[in-house]
Amino acid sequence: MKTWFISDNHFHHSNILHFTADDGSLIRPGFQDVNHMNELMVEKWNSVVGKNDKVYHLGDVVMKTGAWAFDILNQLNGDKILIRGNHDKAKLHIYAKHFKDVRSEIHMKTSEGDMVIFTHRPIRISGGDKEFTIRNTFNVHGHIHQNIINSLRYINVSVEAIDYTPVSWQEIDKHILERNKIMKERRELSEEGLFI
């Protein structure tokens, strides 16, 4: 059994196909229509997630509130847990039919003991400009779609940032290990006055 993370599918959200980035490019290019988008996201999900896997969805799963819109979740492999996002506005009993649990955030520890806070919106985890002021804490989040926070402490799992494919816990753990090495080198250089 594996554990996976993904955010911001926005199933049934036809208008998102017209949303643009700061440079004017579409944030979700290449789709013929909303049905094509939905089908591709189901296909990408099921290409990695097994029937008995666990998936934490970090919010903004379906952009409609009617129960019919959530039927698409029946096509997705795995036991699902929702970290509720700002667009998850359906009644709780609708989510209860498709998710094992609904939460505001979860906390996990990496293989090296680092704290990882999983949320929909990015949260502030550092003090000031020095990203290593709070050691051993990382935030895996969604909400900002194709945008990336310029800090090693943040990992964006919005579908636009991960090619619509859930990211495994092993992959996140590996990224955090690599990022810790970079931050350790920066701390050492800073202590020697070579990095500010």
C-alpha atoms as a PDB file:
ATOM      1  CA  MET A   1       0.000   0.000   0.000  1.00  0.00           C
ATOM      2  CA  LYS A   2       1.329   3.432  -0.961  1.00  0.00           C
ATOM      3  CA  THR A   3       0.314   6.929   0.105  1.00  0.00           C
ATOM      4  CA  TRP A   4      -0.255   9.698  -2.443  1.00  0.00           C
ATOM      5  CA  PHE A   5      -0.905  13.450  -2.484  1.00  0.00           C
ATOM      6  CA  ILE A   6      -2.625  15.729  -4.995  1.00  0.00           C
ATOM      7  CA  SER A   7      -4.550  19.000  -4.976  1.00  0.00           C
ATOM      8  CA  ASP A   8      -6.773  21.271  -7.031  1.00  0.00           C
ATOM      9  CA  ASN A   9      -8.293  18.901  -9.576  1.00  0.00           C
ATOM     10  CA  HIS A  10     -11.252  21.265  -9.960  1.00  0.00           C
ATOM     11  CA  PHE A  11     -13.291  18.489 -11.568  1.00  0.00           C
ATOM     12  CA  HIS A  12     -16.153  19.890 -13.732  1.00  0.00           C
ATOM     13  CA  HIS A  13     -14.659  23.418 -13.709  1.00  0.00           C
ATOM     14  CA  SER A  14     -14.951  24.448 -17.353  1.00  0.00           C
ATOM     15  CA  ASN A  15     -13.830  28.052 -16.761  1.00  0.00           C
ATOM     16  CA  ILE A  16     -10.404  26.959 -15.478  1.00  0.00           C
ATOM     17  CA  LEU A  17      -9.556  26.032 -19.073  1.00  0.00           C
ATOM     18  CA  HIS A  18      -9.503  29.776 -19.810  1.00  0.00           C
ATOM     19  CA  PHE A  19      -7.423  30.849 -16.788  1.00  0.00           C
ATOM     20  CA  THR A  20      -4.033  32.319 -17.637  1.00  0.00           C
ATOM     21  CA  ALA A  21      -0.721  32.732 -15.857  1.00  0.00           C
ATOM     22  CA  ASP A  22       1.030  36.086 -15.473  1.00  0.00           C
ATOM     23  CA  ASP A  23       2.684  35.627 -18.870  1.00  0.00           C
ATOM     24  CA  GLY A  24      -0.695  35.131 -20.565  1.00  0.00           C
ATOM     25  CA  SER A  25      -0.329  31.391 -21.155  1.00  0.00           C
ATOM     26  CA  LEU A  26      -3.134  29.024 -20.225  1.00  0.00           C
ATOM     27  CA  ILE A  27      -2.568  27.282 -16.888  1.00  0.00           C
ATOM     28  CA  ARG A  28      -4.247  24.133 -18.287  1.00  0.00           C
ATOM     29  CA  PRO A  29      -3.393  24.016 -21.991  1.00  0.00           C
ATOM     30  CA  GLY A  30      -4.237  21.270 -24.431  1.00  0.00           C
ATOM     31  CA  PHE A  31      -7.732  20.288 -23.347  1.00  0.00           C
ATOM     32  CA  GLN A  32     -10.588  20.172 -25.853  1.00  0.00           C
ATOM     33  CA  ASP A  33     -13.205  20.723 -23.143  1.00  0.00           C
ATOM     34  CA  VAL A  34     -13.960  20.017 -19.473  1.00  0.00           C
ATOM     35  CA  ASN A  35     -14.818  16.354 -20.170  1.00  0.00           C
ATOM     36  CA  HIS A  36     -11.405  15.850 -21.779  1.00  0.00           C
ATOM     37  CA  MET A  37      -9.788  17.449 -18.699  1.00  0.00           C
ATOM     38  CA  ASN A  38     -11.770  15.248 -16.301  1.00  0.00           C
ATOM     39  CA  GLU A  39     -10.936  12.075 -18.251  1.00  0.00           C
ATOM     40  CA  LEU A  40      -7.216  12.852 -18.350  1.00  0.00           C
ATOM     41  CA  MET A  41      -7.101  13.536 -14.608  1.00  0.00           C
ATOM     42  CA  VAL A  42      -8.869  10.228 -13.850  1.00  0.00           C
ATOM     43  CA  GLU A  43      -6.456   8.402 -16.175  1.00  0.00           C
ATOM     44  CA  LYS A  44      -3.351  10.023 -14.614  1.00  0.00           C
ATOM     45  CA  TRP A  45      -4.604   9.304 -11.078  1.00  0.00           C
ATOM     46  CA  ASN A  46      -5.303   5.642 -11.789  1.00  0.00           C
ATOM     47  CA  SER A  47      -1.995   5.230 -13.637  1.00  0.00           C
ATOM     48  CA  VAL A  48      -0.166   5.379 -10.281  1.00  0.00           C
ATOM     49  CA  VAL A  49      -2.714   4.862  -7.493  1.00  0.00           C
ATOM     50  CA  GLY A  50      -3.670   1.277  -6.676  1.00  0.00           C
ATOM     51  CA  LYS A  51      -7.054   0.105  -5.398  1.00  0.00           C
ATOM     52  CA  ASN A  52      -5.768  -0.284  -1.819  1.00  0.00           C
ATOM     53  CA  ASP A  53      -3.589   2.842  -1.723  1.00  0.00           C
ATOM     54  CA  LYS A  54      -4.330   5.930   0.355  1.00  0.00           C
ATOM     55  CA  VAL A  55      -4.721   9.348  -1.280  1.00  0.00           C
ATOM     56  CA  TYR A  56      -4.728  12.655   0.570  1.00  0.00           C
ATOM     57  CA  HIS A  57      -6.460  15.244  -1.594  1.00  0.00           C
ATOM     58  CA  LEU A  58      -5.341  18.694  -0.463  1.00  0.00           C
ATOM     59  CA  GLY A  59      -8.492  20.496  -1.489  1.00  0.00           C
ATOM     60  CA  ASP A  60     -10.560  21.957  -4.316  1.00  0.00           C
ATOM     61  CA  VAL A  61     -11.532  18.544  -5.592  1.00  0.00           C
ATOM     62  CA  VAL A  62     -14.881  19.206  -7.345  1.00  0.00           C
ATOM     63  CA  MET A  63     -16.078  22.641  -8.410  1.00  0.00           C
ATOM     64  CA  LYS A  64     -19.789  21.881  -8.130  1.00  0.00           C
ATOM     65  CA  THR A  65     -21.848  21.254  -5.008  1.00  0.00           C
ATOM     66  CA  GLY A  66     -24.454  18.836  -6.345  1.00  0.00           C
ATOM     67  CA  ALA A  67     -24.073  15.172  -5.415  1.00  0.00           C
ATOM     68  CA  TRP A  68     -24.013  14.180  -9.125  1.00  0.00           C
ATOM     69  CA  ALA A  69     -20.700  16.021  -9.618  1.00  0.00           C
ATOM     70  CA  PHE A  70     -18.956  13.826  -7.058  1.00  0.00           C
ATOM     71  CA  ASP A  71     -19.745  10.614  -8.932  1.00  0.00           C
ATOM     72  CA  ILE A  72     -16.491  11.104 -10.849  1.00  0.00           C
ATOM     73  CA  LEU A  73     -14.653  10.285  -7.608  1.00  0.00           C
ATOM     74  CA  ASN A  74     -16.000   6.730  -7.851  1.00  0.00           C
ATOM     75  CA  GLN A  75     -13.700   6.269 -10.858  1.00  0.00           C
ATOM     76  CA  LEU A  76     -10.585   7.086  -8.814  1.00  0.00           C
ATOM     77  CA  ASN A  77      -8.523   4.326  -7.181  1.00  0.00           C
ATOM     78  CA  GLY A  78      -7.616   4.348  -3.513  1.00  0.00           C
ATOM     79  CA  ASP A  79      -9.077   5.323  -0.166  1.00  0.00           C
ATOM     80  CA  LYS A  80      -9.386   9.093  -0.187  1.00  0.00           C
ATOM     81  CA  ILE A  81      -8.990  11.629   2.630  1.00  0.00           C
ATOM     82  CA  LEU A  82      -9.850  15.277   1.947  1.00  0.00           C
ATOM     83  CA  ILE A  83      -7.972  18.246   3.345  1.00  0.00           C
ATOM     84  CA  ARG A  84     -10.737  20.741   2.680  1.00  0.00           C
ATOM     85  CA  GLY A  85      -9.932  23.643   0.347  1.00  0.00           C
ATOM     86  CA  ASN A  86     -11.530  27.038  -0.119  1.00  0.00           C
ATOM     87  CA  HIS A  87     -13.736  25.744  -2.976  1.00  0.00           C
ATOM     88  CA  ASP A  88     -14.898  22.582  -1.183  1.00  0.00           C
ATOM     89  CA  LYS A  89     -18.335  23.957  -0.292  1.00  0.00           C
ATOM     90  CA  ALA A  90     -20.662  20.982  -0.689  1.00  0.00           C
ATOM     91  CA  LYS A  91     -22.481  19.560   2.323  1.00  0.00           C
ATOM     92  CA  LEU A  92     -20.387  17.302   4.553  1.00  0.00           C
ATOM     93  CA  HIS A  93     -22.619  14.268   3.911  1.00  0.00           C
ATOM     94  CA  ILE A  94     -21.671  14.445   0.205  1.00  0.00           C
ATOM     95  CA  TYR A  95     -17.950  14.325   1.043  1.00  0.00           C
ATOM     96  CA  ALA A  96     -18.597  11.494   3.506  1.00  0.00           C
ATOM     97  CA  LYS A  97     -19.789   9.280   0.645  1.00  0.00           C
ATOM     98  CA  HIS A  98     -16.465   9.587  -1.180  1.00  0.00           C
ATOM     99  CA  PHE A  99     -13.831  10.284   1.491  1.00  0.00           C
ATOM    100  CA  LYS A 100     -12.790   8.213   4.520  1.00  0.00           C
ATOM    101  CA  ASP A 101     -12.207  11.448   6.439  1.00  0.00           C
ATOM    102  CA  VAL A 102     -12.315  15.227   5.976  1.00  0.00           C
ATOM    103  CA  ARG A 103      -9.749  17.376   7.772  1.00  0.00           C
ATOM    104  CA  SER A 104      -8.275  20.874   7.766  1.00  0.00           C
ATOM    105  CA  GLU A 105      -4.649  19.643   7.783  1.00  0.00           C
ATOM    106  CA  ILE A 106      -2.515  16.639   8.644  1.00  0.00           C
ATOM    107  CA  HIS A 107       1.005  16.228  10.038  1.00  0.00           C
ATOM    108  CA  MET A 108       3.496  13.503   9.183  1.00  0.00           C
ATOM    109  CA  LYS A 109       7.184  12.895   9.852  1.00  0.00           C
ATOM    110  CA  THR A 110       9.742  11.999   7.211  1.00  0.00           C
ATOM    111  CA  SER A 111      12.189   9.115   7.470  1.00  0.00           C
ATOM    112  CA  GLU A 112      14.700  11.618   8.916  1.00  0.00           C
ATOM    113  CA  GLY A 113      12.212  13.006  11.470  1.00  0.00           C
ATOM    114  CA  ASP A 114      11.281  16.248   9.702  1.00  0.00           C
ATOM    115  CA  MET A 115       7.771  17.582  10.339  1.00  0.00           C
ATOM    116  CA  VAL A 116       5.600  17.912   7.226  1.00  0.00           C
ATOM    117  CA  ILE A 117       2.362  19.879   7.462  1.00  0.00           C
ATOM    118  CA  PHE A 118      -0.123  19.135   4.675  1.00  0.00           C
ATOM    119  CA  THR A 119      -2.614  21.939   3.986  1.00  0.00           C
ATOM    120  CA  HIS A 120      -4.649  23.336   1.143  1.00  0.00           C
ATOM    121  CA  ARG A 121      -3.289  26.891   1.309  1.00  0.00           C
ATOM    122  CA  PRO A 122       0.425  27.398   1.945  1.00  0.00           C
ATOM    123  CA  ILE A 123       1.085  28.333   5.566  1.00  0.00           C
ATOM    124  CA  ARG A 124       3.823  30.515   6.986  1.00  0.00           C
ATOM    125  CA  ILE A 125       6.473  28.280   8.520  1.00  0.00           C
ATOM    126  CA  SER A 126       9.541  30.520   8.591  1.00  0.00           C
ATOM    127  CA  GLY A 127      10.365  33.726  10.371  1.00  0.00           C
ATOM    128  CA  GLY A 128      11.605  36.535   8.183  1.00  0.00           C
ATOM    129  CA  ASP A 129      13.673  36.058   5.064  1.00  0.00           C
ATOM    130  CA  LYS A 130      15.884  33.267   6.349  1.00  0.00           C
ATOM    131  CA  GLU A 131      14.054  30.084   5.368  1.00  0.00           C
ATOM    132  CA  PHE A 132      16.041  27.954   7.807  1.00  0.00           C
ATOM    133  CA  THR A 133      14.890  29.774  10.954  1.00  0.00           C
ATOM    134  CA  ILE A 134      12.458  26.977  11.818  1.00  0.00           C
ATOM    135  CA  ARG A 135      14.382  23.790  11.251  1.00  0.00           C
ATOM    136  CA  ASN A 136      12.875  20.507  10.184  1.00  0.00           C
ATOM    137  CA  THR A 137       9.434  21.828   9.128  1.00  0.00           C
ATOM    138  CA  PHE A 138       8.015  21.660   5.604  1.00  0.00           C
ATOM    139  CA  ASN A 139       4.640  22.478   4.041  1.00  0.00           C
ATOM    140  CA  VAL A 140       3.089  20.391   1.273  1.00  0.00           C
ATOM    141  CA  HIS A 141       0.174  22.350  -0.157  1.00  0.00           C
ATOM    142  CA  GLY A 142      -2.003  23.161  -3.128  1.00  0.00           C
ATOM    143  CA  HIS A 143      -4.106  26.265  -3.852  1.00  0.00           C
ATOM    144  CA  ILE A 144      -1.584  28.195  -5.943  1.00  0.00           C
ATOM    145  CA  HIS A 145      -1.926  25.988  -9.044  1.00  0.00           C
ATOM    146  CA  GLN A 146       1.052  26.429 -11.422  1.00  0.00           C
ATOM    147  CA  ASN A 147       2.886  28.851  -9.137  1.00  0.00           C
ATOM    148  CA  ILE A 148       5.824  27.785  -6.979  1.00  0.00           C
ATOM    149  CA  ILE A 149       6.911  29.413  -3.709  1.00  0.00           C
ATOM    150  CA  ASN A 150      10.578  30.350  -3.830  1.00  0.00           C
ATOM    151  CA  SER A 151      11.531  28.435  -0.703  1.00  0.00           C
ATOM    152  CA  LEU A 152      12.856  24.936  -0.133  1.00  0.00           C
ATOM    153  CA  ARG A 153      10.334  24.454   2.658  1.00  0.00           C
ATOM    154  CA  TYR A 154       7.297  24.366   0.341  1.00  0.00           C
ATOM    155  CA  ILE A 155       6.168  21.632  -2.060  1.00  0.00           C
ATOM    156  CA  ASN A 156       3.219  22.399  -4.345  1.00  0.00           C
ATOM    157  CA  VAL A 157       1.094  19.378  -5.323  1.00  0.00           C
ATOM    158  CA  SER A 158      -1.503  21.307  -7.342  1.00  0.00           C
ATOM    159  CA  VAL A 159      -2.255  19.298 -10.484  1.00  0.00           C
ATOM    160  CA  GLU A 160      -0.697  21.917 -12.764  1.00  0.00           C
ATOM    161  CA  ALA A 161       2.621  21.601 -10.881  1.00  0.00           C
ATOM    162  CA  ILE A 162       2.697  17.769 -10.949  1.00  0.00           C
ATOM    163  CA  ASP A 163       1.428  16.920 -14.440  1.00  0.00           C
ATOM    164  CA  TYR A 164      -2.000  15.954 -13.027  1.00  0.00           C
ATOM    165  CA  THR A 165      -0.442  12.847 -11.401  1.00  0.00           C
ATOM    166  CA  PRO A 166      -0.484  12.178  -7.641  1.00  0.00           C
ATOM    167  CA  VAL A 167       2.886  12.348  -5.876  1.00  0.00           C
ATOM    168  CA  SER A 168       3.917   9.501  -3.557  1.00  0.00           C
ATOM    169  CA  TRP A 169       4.991   9.907   0.055  1.00  0.00           C
ATOM    170  CA  GLN A 170       8.330   8.298  -0.900  1.00  0.00           C
ATOM    171  CA  GLU A 171       8.911  11.021  -3.484  1.00  0.00           C
ATOM    172  CA  ILE A 172       8.067  13.793  -1.019  1.00  0.00           C
ATOM    173  CA  ASP A 173      10.335  12.206   1.605  1.00  0.00           C
ATOM    174  CA  LYS A 174      13.168  12.075  -0.959  1.00  0.00           C
ATOM    175  CA  HIS A 175      12.655  15.734  -1.986  1.00  0.00           C
ATOM    176  CA  ILE A 176      12.758  16.841   1.644  1.00  0.00           C
ATOM    177  CA  LEU A 177      15.977  14.883   2.255  1.00  0.00           C
ATOM    178  CA  GLU A 178      17.574  16.635  -0.739  1.00  0.00           C
ATOM    179  CA  ARG A 179      16.293  20.040   0.378  1.00  0.00           C
ATOM    180  CA  ASN A 180      17.644  19.484   3.895  1.00  0.00           C
ATOM    181  CA  LYS A 181      21.114  18.900   2.444  1.00  0.00           C
ATOM    182  CA  ILE A 182      20.924  22.194   0.529  1.00  0.00           C
ATOM    183  CA  MET A 183      19.725  24.090   3.621  1.00  0.00           C
ATOM    184  CA  LYS A 184      22.459  22.521   5.763  1.00  0.00           C
ATOM    185  CA  GLU A 185      25.080  23.680   3.251  1.00  0.00           C
ATOM    186  CA  ARG A 186      23.571  27.185   3.294  1.00  0.00           C
ATOM    187  CA  ARG A 187      23.646  27.268   7.121  1.00  0.00           C
ATOM    188  CA  GLU A 188      27.290  26.223   7.149  1.00  0.00           C
ATOM    189  CA  LEU A 189      28.179  28.846   4.551  1.00  0.00           C
ATOM    190  CA  SER A 190      26.201  31.474   6.460  1.00  0.00           C
ATOM    191  CA  GLU A 191      28.016  30.642   9.689  1.00  0.00           C
ATOM    192  CA  GLU A 192      31.287  31.106   7.841  1.00  0.00           C
ATOM    193  CA  GLY A 193      30.060  34.423   6.426  1.00  0.00           C
ATOM    194  CA  LEU A 194      30.070  33.098   2.855  1.00  0.00           C
ATOM    195  CA  PHE A 195      26.290  32.983   2.305  1.00  0.00           C
ATOM    196  CA  ILE A 196      23.793  35.639   3.279  1.00  0.00           C
END
